[in-house]
Amino acid sequence: MKLLVAALDAELVAFEADLPGFDRLVTGPGKLQATYALTRALDARTYDEILVVGTAGAIDPRLHEAIYDIDAAIQHDVTDIDGIVGQHVSLPPRVELGREGVTIATGDHFVDDAEAVGVIRPLGAGLVDMETYAYAWVAEQFGVPLRVLKAVSDRAQDDAITDWRATVAACSALLRDKVRAEYGV
């Protein structure tokens, strides 16, 4: 059995409520809710794989509206005791997912301005979201393989929340097609 995970119901709008071979989990937005919900799910049941689907803002101008596999996750909203951005005082700076893909920067706020992108981009990420680092870290603690598919919903600048609201359903449909093609359900 696999676990299909998304932060928001809106990201699963194109998915059937019952997908054969998958349990479904909607965690809520942000790192804390993602950590709590996924930990509870993995503590209650054993899964062969966690498949996360959702939206992300593109901060690398070379990334266009498409679906991307995530290769690693970092945090953009933490600093260590020396003030180094992206470094947590006790968590690893980067969680690898063991796949080819794009690195995502996770933080607890919706990135929607050029100044924030200017701070995050040098950390080495191409996409931003609010949950992937938490999912990756929790999955690693439980030893469960994790795959993250992200559809670009916006450019993470200049009123990106309006773009996200307008495109989330279309992103969900693209993600559903990708899951159908790669998982046969």
N, C-alpha and C. Protein backbone atom coordinates (compact mmCIF):
# COMPACT_ATOMS: atom_id res chain seq x y z
N MET A 1 0.85 -1.18 0.00
CA MET A 1 0.00 0.00 0.00
C MET A 1 0.89 1.24 0.00
N LYS A 2 0.46 2.24 -0.78
CA LYS A 2 1.16 3.51 -0.86
C LYS A 2 0.30 4.58 -0.19
N LEU A 3 0.93 5.69 0.17
CA LEU A 3 0.22 6.81 0.78
C LEU A 3 0.32 8.01 -0.15
N LEU A 4 -0.83 8.50 -0.61
CA LEU A 4 -0.91 9.70 -1.43
C LEU A 4 -1.10 10.89 -0.50
N VAL A 5 -0.19 11.85 -0.58
CA VAL A 5 -0.19 12.98 0.35
C VAL A 5 -0.25 14.30 -0.41
N ALA A 6 -1.04 15.23 0.10
CA ALA A 6 -1.05 16.61 -0.39
C ALA A 6 -1.28 17.51 0.82
N ALA A 7 -0.88 18.74 0.70
CA ALA A 7 -1.09 19.70 1.78
C ALA A 7 -2.53 20.16 1.85
N LEU A 8 -3.16 20.33 0.68
CA LEU A 8 -4.49 20.92 0.61
C LEU A 8 -5.42 20.08 -0.26
N ASP A 9 -6.69 20.06 0.09
CA ASP A 9 -7.69 19.37 -0.74
C ASP A 9 -7.69 19.89 -2.17
N ALA A 10 -7.45 21.18 -2.34
CA ALA A 10 -7.45 21.78 -3.68
C ALA A 10 -6.42 21.13 -4.60
N GLU A 11 -5.32 20.64 -4.03
CA GLU A 11 -4.28 20.01 -4.83
C GLU A 11 -4.67 18.60 -5.28
N LEU A 12 -5.72 18.06 -4.68
CA LEU A 12 -6.21 16.72 -5.03
C LEU A 12 -7.56 16.75 -5.73
N VAL A 13 -8.01 17.90 -6.17
CA VAL A 13 -9.35 18.03 -6.74
C VAL A 13 -9.55 17.13 -7.97
N ALA A 14 -8.51 16.84 -8.73
CA ALA A 14 -8.62 16.01 -9.93
C ALA A 14 -8.49 14.51 -9.62
N PHE A 15 -8.20 14.17 -8.38
CA PHE A 15 -8.00 12.78 -7.98
C PHE A 15 -9.30 12.20 -7.43
N GLU A 16 -9.57 10.94 -7.76
CA GLU A 16 -10.70 10.25 -7.19
C GLU A 16 -10.50 10.12 -5.68
N ALA A 17 -11.60 10.06 -4.94
CA ALA A 17 -11.50 9.92 -3.48
C ALA A 17 -10.84 8.61 -3.10
N ASP A 18 -11.13 7.55 -3.86
CA ASP A 18 -10.52 6.24 -3.61
C ASP A 18 -9.66 5.86 -4.81
N LEU A 19 -8.37 5.88 -4.62
CA LEU A 19 -7.42 5.52 -5.67
C LEU A 19 -6.87 4.13 -5.32
N PRO A 20 -7.07 3.12 -6.18
CA PRO A 20 -6.63 1.76 -5.86
C PRO A 20 -5.15 1.70 -5.49
N GLY A 21 -4.86 1.04 -4.38
CA GLY A 21 -3.48 0.88 -3.93
C GLY A 21 -2.94 2.03 -3.11
N PHE A 22 -3.76 3.05 -2.88
CA PHE A 22 -3.32 4.24 -2.15
C PHE A 22 -4.28 4.59 -1.03
N ASP A 23 -3.73 4.89 0.14
CA ASP A 23 -4.46 5.63 1.15
C ASP A 23 -4.22 7.10 0.84
N ARG A 24 -5.05 7.97 1.39
CA ARG A 24 -4.98 9.40 1.08
C ARG A 24 -4.83 10.19 2.37
N LEU A 25 -3.95 11.21 2.34
CA LEU A 25 -3.72 12.06 3.49
C LEU A 25 -3.60 13.51 3.04
N VAL A 26 -4.41 14.37 3.62
CA VAL A 26 -4.29 15.82 3.43
C VAL A 26 -3.80 16.37 4.76
N THR A 27 -2.62 16.99 4.74
CA THR A 27 -1.94 17.36 5.99
C THR A 27 -2.28 18.75 6.50
N GLY A 28 -2.67 19.64 5.61
CA GLY A 28 -2.75 21.05 5.97
C GLY A 28 -1.44 21.72 5.58
N PRO A 29 -1.45 23.04 5.43
CA PRO A 29 -0.26 23.74 4.95
C PRO A 29 0.79 23.99 6.04
N GLY A 30 2.03 24.04 5.62
CA GLY A 30 3.13 24.39 6.52
C GLY A 30 3.83 23.18 7.09
N LYS A 31 5.04 23.44 7.58
CA LYS A 31 5.91 22.37 8.07
C LYS A 31 5.37 21.67 9.32
N LEU A 32 4.80 22.40 10.25
CA LEU A 32 4.31 21.77 11.48
C LEU A 32 3.13 20.84 11.21
N GLN A 33 2.15 21.32 10.45
CA GLN A 33 1.01 20.46 10.13
C GLN A 33 1.44 19.25 9.31
N ALA A 34 2.37 19.46 8.36
CA ALA A 34 2.86 18.36 7.54
C ALA A 34 3.57 17.32 8.40
N THR A 35 4.41 17.76 9.32
CA THR A 35 5.14 16.85 10.20
C THR A 35 4.18 16.07 11.08
N TYR A 36 3.24 16.75 11.68
CA TYR A 36 2.29 16.11 12.59
C TYR A 36 1.45 15.06 11.87
N ALA A 37 0.84 15.45 10.77
CA ALA A 37 -0.07 14.54 10.05
C ALA A 37 0.66 13.34 9.48
N LEU A 38 1.81 13.56 8.87
CA LEU A 38 2.54 12.43 8.28
C LEU A 38 3.09 11.51 9.36
N THR A 39 3.56 12.05 10.46
CA THR A 39 4.04 11.22 11.56
C THR A 39 2.92 10.33 12.09
N ARG A 40 1.75 10.90 12.29
CA ARG A 40 0.60 10.11 12.77
C ARG A 40 0.25 8.99 11.79
N ALA A 41 0.25 9.33 10.49
CA ALA A 41 -0.10 8.32 9.48
C ALA A 41 0.92 7.18 9.45
N LEU A 42 2.20 7.51 9.54
CA LEU A 42 3.24 6.48 9.47
C LEU A 42 3.34 5.69 10.77
N ASP A 43 2.93 6.30 11.85
CA ASP A 43 2.91 5.58 13.13
C ASP A 43 1.74 4.58 13.17
N ALA A 44 0.67 4.88 12.43
CA ALA A 44 -0.52 4.03 12.44
C ALA A 44 -0.47 2.87 11.46
N ARG A 45 0.30 3.03 10.37
CA ARG A 45 0.30 2.02 9.32
C ARG A 45 1.64 2.01 8.60
N THR A 46 1.99 0.86 8.04
CA THR A 46 3.22 0.73 7.26
C THR A 46 2.88 0.92 5.78
N TYR A 47 3.71 1.71 5.09
CA TYR A 47 3.52 1.97 3.66
C TYR A 47 4.78 1.60 2.89
N ASP A 48 4.57 1.17 1.64
CA ASP A 48 5.68 0.84 0.76
C ASP A 48 6.32 2.10 0.20
N GLU A 49 5.51 3.14 0.02
CA GLU A 49 5.99 4.39 -0.57
C GLU A 49 5.02 5.50 -0.19
N ILE A 50 5.58 6.70 -0.07
CA ILE A 50 4.79 7.91 0.09
C ILE A 50 4.92 8.68 -1.21
N LEU A 51 3.78 9.05 -1.78
CA LEU A 51 3.78 9.87 -2.99
C LEU A 51 3.12 11.20 -2.64
N VAL A 52 3.92 12.25 -2.66
CA VAL A 52 3.42 13.59 -2.39
C VAL A 52 3.16 14.27 -3.73
N VAL A 53 1.98 14.86 -3.86
CA VAL A 53 1.67 15.68 -5.03
C VAL A 53 1.24 17.05 -4.55
N GLY A 54 1.57 18.06 -5.35
CA GLY A 54 1.18 19.40 -4.96
C GLY A 54 1.75 20.46 -5.88
N THR A 55 1.55 21.69 -5.47
CA THR A 55 1.98 22.84 -6.25
C THR A 55 3.25 23.43 -5.65
N ALA A 56 3.95 24.19 -6.47
CA ALA A 56 5.16 24.88 -6.03
C ALA A 56 5.36 26.13 -6.87
N GLY A 57 6.03 27.10 -6.28
CA GLY A 57 6.43 28.29 -7.02
C GLY A 57 7.80 28.07 -7.64
N ALA A 58 7.96 28.50 -8.88
CA ALA A 58 9.25 28.37 -9.57
C ALA A 58 10.08 29.62 -9.30
N ILE A 59 11.27 29.43 -8.71
CA ILE A 59 12.15 30.57 -8.48
C ILE A 59 13.36 30.54 -9.43
N ASP A 60 13.53 29.45 -10.14
CA ASP A 60 14.55 29.35 -11.18
C ASP A 60 13.87 29.72 -12.49
N PRO A 61 14.33 30.77 -13.17
CA PRO A 61 13.66 31.20 -14.39
C PRO A 61 13.70 30.15 -15.51
N ARG A 62 14.55 29.15 -15.39
CA ARG A 62 14.61 28.09 -16.41
C ARG A 62 13.51 27.06 -16.23
N LEU A 63 12.83 27.08 -15.09
CA LEU A 63 11.74 26.12 -14.84
C LEU A 63 10.43 26.73 -15.29
N HIS A 64 9.70 25.98 -16.08
CA HIS A 64 8.44 26.47 -16.63
C HIS A 64 7.28 25.68 -16.07
N GLU A 65 6.08 25.99 -16.52
CA GLU A 65 4.90 25.26 -16.06
C GLU A 65 5.02 23.81 -16.52
N ALA A 66 5.26 22.95 -15.56
CA ALA A 66 5.45 21.52 -15.81
C ALA A 66 5.38 20.82 -14.47
N ILE A 67 5.56 19.51 -14.51
CA ILE A 67 5.64 18.71 -13.29
C ILE A 67 7.10 18.30 -13.10
N TYR A 68 7.59 18.45 -11.88
CA TYR A 68 8.97 18.13 -11.57
C TYR A 68 9.05 17.13 -10.44
N ASP A 69 9.94 16.14 -10.61
CA ASP A 69 10.33 15.27 -9.50
C ASP A 69 11.27 16.08 -8.62
N ILE A 70 11.19 15.87 -7.34
CA ILE A 70 12.05 16.58 -6.39
C ILE A 70 13.19 15.66 -5.98
N ASP A 71 14.42 16.19 -6.06
CA ASP A 71 15.60 15.39 -5.70
C ASP A 71 16.04 15.60 -4.26
N ALA A 72 15.74 16.79 -3.70
CA ALA A 72 16.15 17.10 -2.33
C ALA A 72 15.33 18.29 -1.84
N ALA A 73 15.30 18.43 -0.52
CA ALA A 73 14.60 19.56 0.09
C ALA A 73 15.51 20.26 1.08
N ILE A 74 15.40 21.58 1.08
CA ILE A 74 16.11 22.43 2.04
C ILE A 74 15.07 23.34 2.70
N GLN A 75 15.50 24.02 3.76
CA GLN A 75 14.62 24.99 4.41
C GLN A 75 15.16 26.39 4.13
N HIS A 76 14.28 27.30 3.71
CA HIS A 76 14.74 28.66 3.43
C HIS A 76 14.41 29.63 4.55
N ASP A 77 13.67 29.20 5.55
CA ASP A 77 13.23 30.14 6.59
C ASP A 77 13.85 29.84 7.95
N VAL A 78 15.02 29.23 7.97
CA VAL A 78 15.71 28.94 9.22
C VAL A 78 17.12 29.51 9.17
N THR A 79 17.68 29.76 10.35
CA THR A 79 19.09 30.15 10.48
C THR A 79 19.67 29.43 11.68
N ASP A 80 20.97 29.15 11.60
CA ASP A 80 21.62 28.51 12.73
C ASP A 80 22.10 29.57 13.73
N ILE A 81 22.83 29.16 14.75
CA ILE A 81 23.25 30.12 15.78
C ILE A 81 24.27 31.13 15.26
N ASP A 82 24.85 30.84 14.10
CA ASP A 82 25.78 31.79 13.48
C ASP A 82 25.07 32.69 12.46
N GLY A 83 23.75 32.52 12.34
CA GLY A 83 22.98 33.36 11.42
C GLY A 83 23.03 32.92 9.97
N ILE A 84 23.45 31.70 9.70
CA ILE A 84 23.54 31.22 8.32
C ILE A 84 22.15 30.78 7.86
N VAL A 85 21.64 31.45 6.84
CA VAL A 85 20.32 31.16 6.30
C VAL A 85 20.31 29.77 5.66
N GLY A 86 19.25 29.01 5.92
CA GLY A 86 19.12 27.66 5.38
C GLY A 86 19.73 26.59 6.25
N GLN A 87 20.38 26.98 7.31
CA GLN A 87 20.98 26.02 8.24
C GLN A 87 20.17 26.03 9.54
N HIS A 88 19.67 24.88 9.92
CA HIS A 88 18.92 24.74 11.17
C HIS A 88 19.91 24.39 12.28
N VAL A 89 19.56 24.68 13.52
CA VAL A 89 20.47 24.38 14.62
C VAL A 89 20.65 22.89 14.86
N SER A 90 19.68 22.05 14.48
CA SER A 90 19.84 20.62 14.75
C SER A 90 19.39 19.70 13.61
N LEU A 91 18.67 20.21 12.63
CA LEU A 91 18.23 19.38 11.51
C LEU A 91 19.23 19.48 10.36
N PRO A 92 19.27 18.45 9.50
CA PRO A 92 20.21 18.52 8.37
C PRO A 92 19.83 19.65 7.42
N PRO A 93 20.82 20.28 6.81
CA PRO A 93 20.52 21.38 5.90
C PRO A 93 19.81 20.92 4.63
N ARG A 94 19.96 19.64 4.29
CA ARG A 94 19.40 19.12 3.05
C ARG A 94 18.96 17.67 3.28
N VAL A 95 17.77 17.34 2.81
CA VAL A 95 17.29 15.96 2.87
C VAL A 95 17.19 15.46 1.43
N GLU A 96 17.96 14.43 1.13
CA GLU A 96 18.00 13.86 -0.21
C GLU A 96 16.86 12.86 -0.38
N LEU A 97 16.29 12.83 -1.60
CA LEU A 97 15.21 11.89 -1.87
C LEU A 97 15.66 10.73 -2.76
N GLY A 98 16.90 10.75 -3.22
CA GLY A 98 17.42 9.64 -4.01
C GLY A 98 16.86 9.57 -5.42
N ARG A 99 16.46 10.69 -5.97
CA ARG A 99 15.90 10.75 -7.32
C ARG A 99 16.60 11.84 -8.10
N GLU A 100 16.48 11.79 -9.40
CA GLU A 100 16.91 12.89 -10.25
C GLU A 100 15.78 13.92 -10.27
N GLY A 101 16.11 15.18 -10.18
CA GLY A 101 15.06 16.17 -10.21
C GLY A 101 15.54 17.54 -9.82
N VAL A 102 14.64 18.29 -9.20
CA VAL A 102 14.87 19.68 -8.83
C VAL A 102 14.85 19.79 -7.30
N THR A 103 15.71 20.62 -6.76
CA THR A 103 15.71 20.87 -5.32
C THR A 103 14.64 21.89 -4.98
N ILE A 104 13.95 21.65 -3.87
CA ILE A 104 12.88 22.55 -3.43
C ILE A 104 13.26 23.16 -2.08
N ALA A 105 12.94 24.43 -1.91
CA ALA A 105 13.15 25.14 -0.65
C ALA A 105 11.81 25.28 0.05
N THR A 106 11.75 24.82 1.27
CA THR A 106 10.51 24.83 2.05
C THR A 106 10.58 25.89 3.13
N GLY A 107 9.47 26.58 3.33
CA GLY A 107 9.35 27.57 4.40
C GLY A 107 7.91 27.74 4.79
N ASP A 108 7.68 28.31 5.94
CA ASP A 108 6.33 28.43 6.47
C ASP A 108 5.58 29.67 6.02
N HIS A 109 6.02 30.29 4.96
CA HIS A 109 5.22 31.38 4.39
C HIS A 109 5.18 31.23 2.88
N PHE A 110 4.09 31.71 2.30
CA PHE A 110 3.90 31.67 0.86
C PHE A 110 4.82 32.72 0.23
N VAL A 111 5.74 32.28 -0.62
CA VAL A 111 6.70 33.20 -1.24
C VAL A 111 6.03 33.89 -2.41
N ASP A 112 6.00 35.23 -2.34
CA ASP A 112 5.31 35.98 -3.39
C ASP A 112 5.95 37.34 -3.70
N ASP A 113 7.26 37.43 -3.52
CA ASP A 113 7.91 38.69 -3.90
C ASP A 113 9.35 38.46 -4.32
N ALA A 114 9.84 39.35 -5.16
CA ALA A 114 11.16 39.23 -5.76
C ALA A 114 12.27 39.26 -4.70
N GLU A 115 12.09 40.05 -3.65
CA GLU A 115 13.10 40.14 -2.61
C GLU A 115 13.30 38.78 -1.92
N ALA A 116 12.20 38.11 -1.60
CA ALA A 116 12.30 36.78 -0.97
C ALA A 116 12.96 35.79 -1.92
N VAL A 117 12.59 35.83 -3.18
CA VAL A 117 13.20 34.94 -4.17
C VAL A 117 14.71 35.20 -4.24
N GLY A 118 15.11 36.46 -4.16
CA GLY A 118 16.52 36.82 -4.19
C GLY A 118 17.31 36.25 -3.02
N VAL A 119 16.67 36.06 -1.89
CA VAL A 119 17.32 35.45 -0.72
C VAL A 119 17.35 33.93 -0.84
N ILE A 120 16.28 33.35 -1.37
CA ILE A 120 16.16 31.89 -1.43
C ILE A 120 16.98 31.28 -2.57
N ARG A 121 16.97 31.90 -3.72
CA ARG A 121 17.60 31.32 -4.92
C ARG A 121 19.06 30.93 -4.69
N PRO A 122 19.88 31.73 -4.02
CA PRO A 122 21.29 31.33 -3.81
C PRO A 122 21.48 30.08 -2.94
N LEU A 123 20.43 29.64 -2.27
CA LEU A 123 20.53 28.42 -1.47
C LEU A 123 20.57 27.17 -2.35
N GLY A 124 20.26 27.33 -3.64
CA GLY A 124 20.39 26.22 -4.58
C GLY A 124 19.10 25.54 -4.98
N ALA A 125 17.97 26.14 -4.66
CA ALA A 125 16.69 25.54 -5.01
C ALA A 125 16.13 26.15 -6.29
N GLY A 126 15.30 25.37 -6.97
CA GLY A 126 14.61 25.86 -8.16
C GLY A 126 13.14 26.11 -7.92
N LEU A 127 12.60 25.49 -6.86
CA LEU A 127 11.18 25.61 -6.52
C LEU A 127 11.05 25.95 -5.03
N VAL A 128 9.87 26.48 -4.67
CA VAL A 128 9.55 26.74 -3.26
C VAL A 128 8.18 26.17 -2.92
N ASP A 129 8.04 25.71 -1.69
CA ASP A 129 6.75 25.27 -1.17
C ASP A 129 6.75 25.43 0.34
N MET A 130 5.74 24.85 0.99
CA MET A 130 5.62 25.02 2.43
C MET A 130 5.68 23.70 3.23
N GLU A 131 5.88 22.55 2.55
CA GLU A 131 5.81 21.27 3.26
C GLU A 131 6.90 20.24 2.94
N THR A 132 7.50 20.28 1.78
CA THR A 132 8.30 19.14 1.32
C THR A 132 9.44 18.77 2.27
N TYR A 133 10.14 19.74 2.83
CA TYR A 133 11.23 19.40 3.76
C TYR A 133 10.68 18.55 4.90
N ALA A 134 9.54 18.95 5.45
CA ALA A 134 8.94 18.20 6.56
C ALA A 134 8.59 16.78 6.14
N TYR A 135 7.94 16.63 4.99
CA TYR A 135 7.61 15.29 4.50
C TYR A 135 8.87 14.43 4.35
N ALA A 136 9.90 15.02 3.75
CA ALA A 136 11.13 14.28 3.49
C ALA A 136 11.82 13.86 4.79
N TRP A 137 11.87 14.76 5.74
CA TRP A 137 12.51 14.45 7.01
C TRP A 137 11.76 13.36 7.76
N VAL A 138 10.43 13.46 7.82
CA VAL A 138 9.62 12.45 8.51
C VAL A 138 9.75 11.10 7.82
N ALA A 139 9.64 11.07 6.50
CA ALA A 139 9.77 9.81 5.76
C ALA A 139 11.13 9.16 6.04
N GLU A 140 12.17 9.97 6.08
CA GLU A 140 13.51 9.45 6.37
C GLU A 140 13.57 8.84 7.78
N GLN A 141 12.93 9.47 8.75
CA GLN A 141 12.92 8.95 10.12
C GLN A 141 12.24 7.58 10.19
N PHE A 142 11.22 7.39 9.37
CA PHE A 142 10.48 6.13 9.35
C PHE A 142 11.05 5.13 8.36
N GLY A 143 12.01 5.54 7.54
CA GLY A 143 12.61 4.65 6.56
C GLY A 143 11.68 4.28 5.41
N VAL A 144 10.76 5.19 5.07
CA VAL A 144 9.81 4.93 3.99
C VAL A 144 10.23 5.73 2.75
N PRO A 145 10.34 5.08 1.59
CA PRO A 145 10.69 5.81 0.37
C PRO A 145 9.65 6.91 0.07
N LEU A 146 10.15 8.03 -0.38
CA LEU A 146 9.31 9.19 -0.66
C LEU A 146 9.57 9.68 -2.07
N ARG A 147 8.49 9.95 -2.78
CA ARG A 147 8.57 10.61 -4.08
C ARG A 147 7.70 11.85 -4.01
N VAL A 148 8.23 12.96 -4.50
CA VAL A 148 7.49 14.21 -4.51
C VAL A 148 7.38 14.72 -5.94
N LEU A 149 6.15 14.92 -6.39
CA LEU A 149 5.86 15.50 -7.70
C LEU A 149 5.24 16.87 -7.47
N LYS A 150 5.85 17.89 -8.04
CA LYS A 150 5.34 19.26 -7.88
C LYS A 150 5.02 19.87 -9.23
N ALA A 151 3.84 20.46 -9.32
CA ALA A 151 3.42 21.19 -10.52
C ALA A 151 3.65 22.67 -10.26
N VAL A 152 4.28 23.35 -11.20
CA VAL A 152 4.53 24.78 -11.06
C VAL A 152 3.21 25.53 -11.21
N SER A 153 2.88 26.28 -10.18
CA SER A 153 1.63 27.04 -10.16
C SER A 153 1.84 28.54 -10.33
N ASP A 154 3.06 29.00 -10.05
CA ASP A 154 3.31 30.44 -10.08
C ASP A 154 4.81 30.69 -10.12
N ARG A 155 5.19 31.97 -10.22
CA ARG A 155 6.61 32.36 -10.26
C ARG A 155 7.11 32.84 -8.90
N ALA A 156 6.31 32.72 -7.85
CA ALA A 156 6.70 33.10 -6.49
C ALA A 156 7.02 34.60 -6.36
N GLN A 157 6.42 35.40 -7.20
CA GLN A 157 6.63 36.85 -7.15
C GLN A 157 5.36 37.57 -7.56
N ASP A 158 5.29 38.84 -7.19
CA ASP A 158 4.27 39.75 -7.71
C ASP A 158 2.86 39.15 -7.74
N ASP A 159 2.25 39.06 -6.58
CA ASP A 159 0.88 38.59 -6.46
C ASP A 159 0.73 37.12 -6.85
N ALA A 160 1.70 36.30 -6.48
CA ALA A 160 1.70 34.88 -6.83
C ALA A 160 0.50 34.14 -6.26
N ILE A 161 -0.05 34.59 -5.14
CA ILE A 161 -1.20 33.90 -4.56
C ILE A 161 -2.40 33.94 -5.51
N THR A 162 -2.54 35.02 -6.25
CA THR A 162 -3.61 35.11 -7.25
C THR A 162 -3.38 34.09 -8.35
N ASP A 163 -2.14 33.96 -8.81
CA ASP A 163 -1.80 32.95 -9.81
C ASP A 163 -2.08 31.55 -9.29
N TRP A 164 -1.69 31.29 -8.03
CA TRP A 164 -1.90 29.96 -7.45
C TRP A 164 -3.39 29.62 -7.43
N ARG A 165 -4.20 30.52 -6.97
CA ARG A 165 -5.64 30.26 -6.89
C ARG A 165 -6.24 29.97 -8.26
N ALA A 166 -5.71 30.65 -9.28
CA ALA A 166 -6.24 30.46 -10.64
C ALA A 166 -5.76 29.16 -11.28
N THR A 167 -4.63 28.63 -10.84
CA THR A 167 -4.04 27.47 -11.52
C THR A 167 -4.05 26.17 -10.74
N VAL A 168 -4.43 26.19 -9.47
CA VAL A 168 -4.32 24.98 -8.65
C VAL A 168 -5.12 23.81 -9.23
N ALA A 169 -6.31 24.04 -9.75
CA ALA A 169 -7.10 22.93 -10.32
C ALA A 169 -6.42 22.35 -11.56
N ALA A 170 -5.87 23.22 -12.40
CA ALA A 170 -5.16 22.75 -13.59
C ALA A 170 -3.91 21.96 -13.19
N CYS A 171 -3.22 22.42 -12.16
CA CYS A 171 -2.05 21.68 -11.67
C CYS A 171 -2.45 20.31 -11.15
N SER A 172 -3.57 20.24 -10.44
CA SER A 172 -4.06 18.96 -9.94
C SER A 172 -4.35 18.00 -11.09
N ALA A 173 -4.93 18.50 -12.17
CA ALA A 173 -5.23 17.65 -13.33
C ALA A 173 -3.94 17.13 -13.96
N LEU A 174 -2.92 17.97 -14.07
CA LEU A 174 -1.63 17.52 -14.61
C LEU A 174 -1.00 16.45 -13.72
N LEU A 175 -1.08 16.67 -12.41
CA LEU A 175 -0.54 15.69 -11.47
C LEU A 175 -1.30 14.36 -11.56
N ARG A 176 -2.62 14.44 -11.71
CA ARG A 176 -3.42 13.22 -11.83
C ARG A 176 -3.02 12.44 -13.07
N ASP A 177 -2.81 13.13 -14.19
CA ASP A 177 -2.38 12.47 -15.42
C ASP A 177 -1.02 11.81 -15.23
N LYS A 178 -0.10 12.47 -14.54
CA LYS A 178 1.24 11.92 -14.30
C LYS A 178 1.15 10.66 -13.43
N VAL A 179 0.34 10.70 -12.39
CA VAL A 179 0.18 9.53 -11.51
C VAL A 179 -0.46 8.38 -12.29
N ARG A 180 -1.43 8.68 -13.10
CA ARG A 180 -2.08 7.65 -13.93
C ARG A 180 -1.05 7.00 -14.85
N ALA A 181 -0.24 7.82 -15.51
CA ALA A 181 0.75 7.32 -16.47
C ALA A 181 1.85 6.51 -15.79
N GLU A 182 2.30 6.93 -14.62
CA GLU A 182 3.45 6.28 -13.98
C GLU A 182 3.08 5.19 -12.98
N TYR A 183 1.88 5.25 -12.42
CA TYR A 183 1.46 4.25 -11.44
C TYR A 183 0.33 3.36 -11.94
N GLY A 184 -0.23 3.68 -13.10
CA GLY A 184 -1.26 2.84 -13.70
C GLY A 184 -2.60 2.86 -12.99
N VAL A 185 -2.86 3.88 -12.21
CA VAL A 185 -4.17 4.00 -11.52
C VAL A 185 -4.76 5.38 -11.75
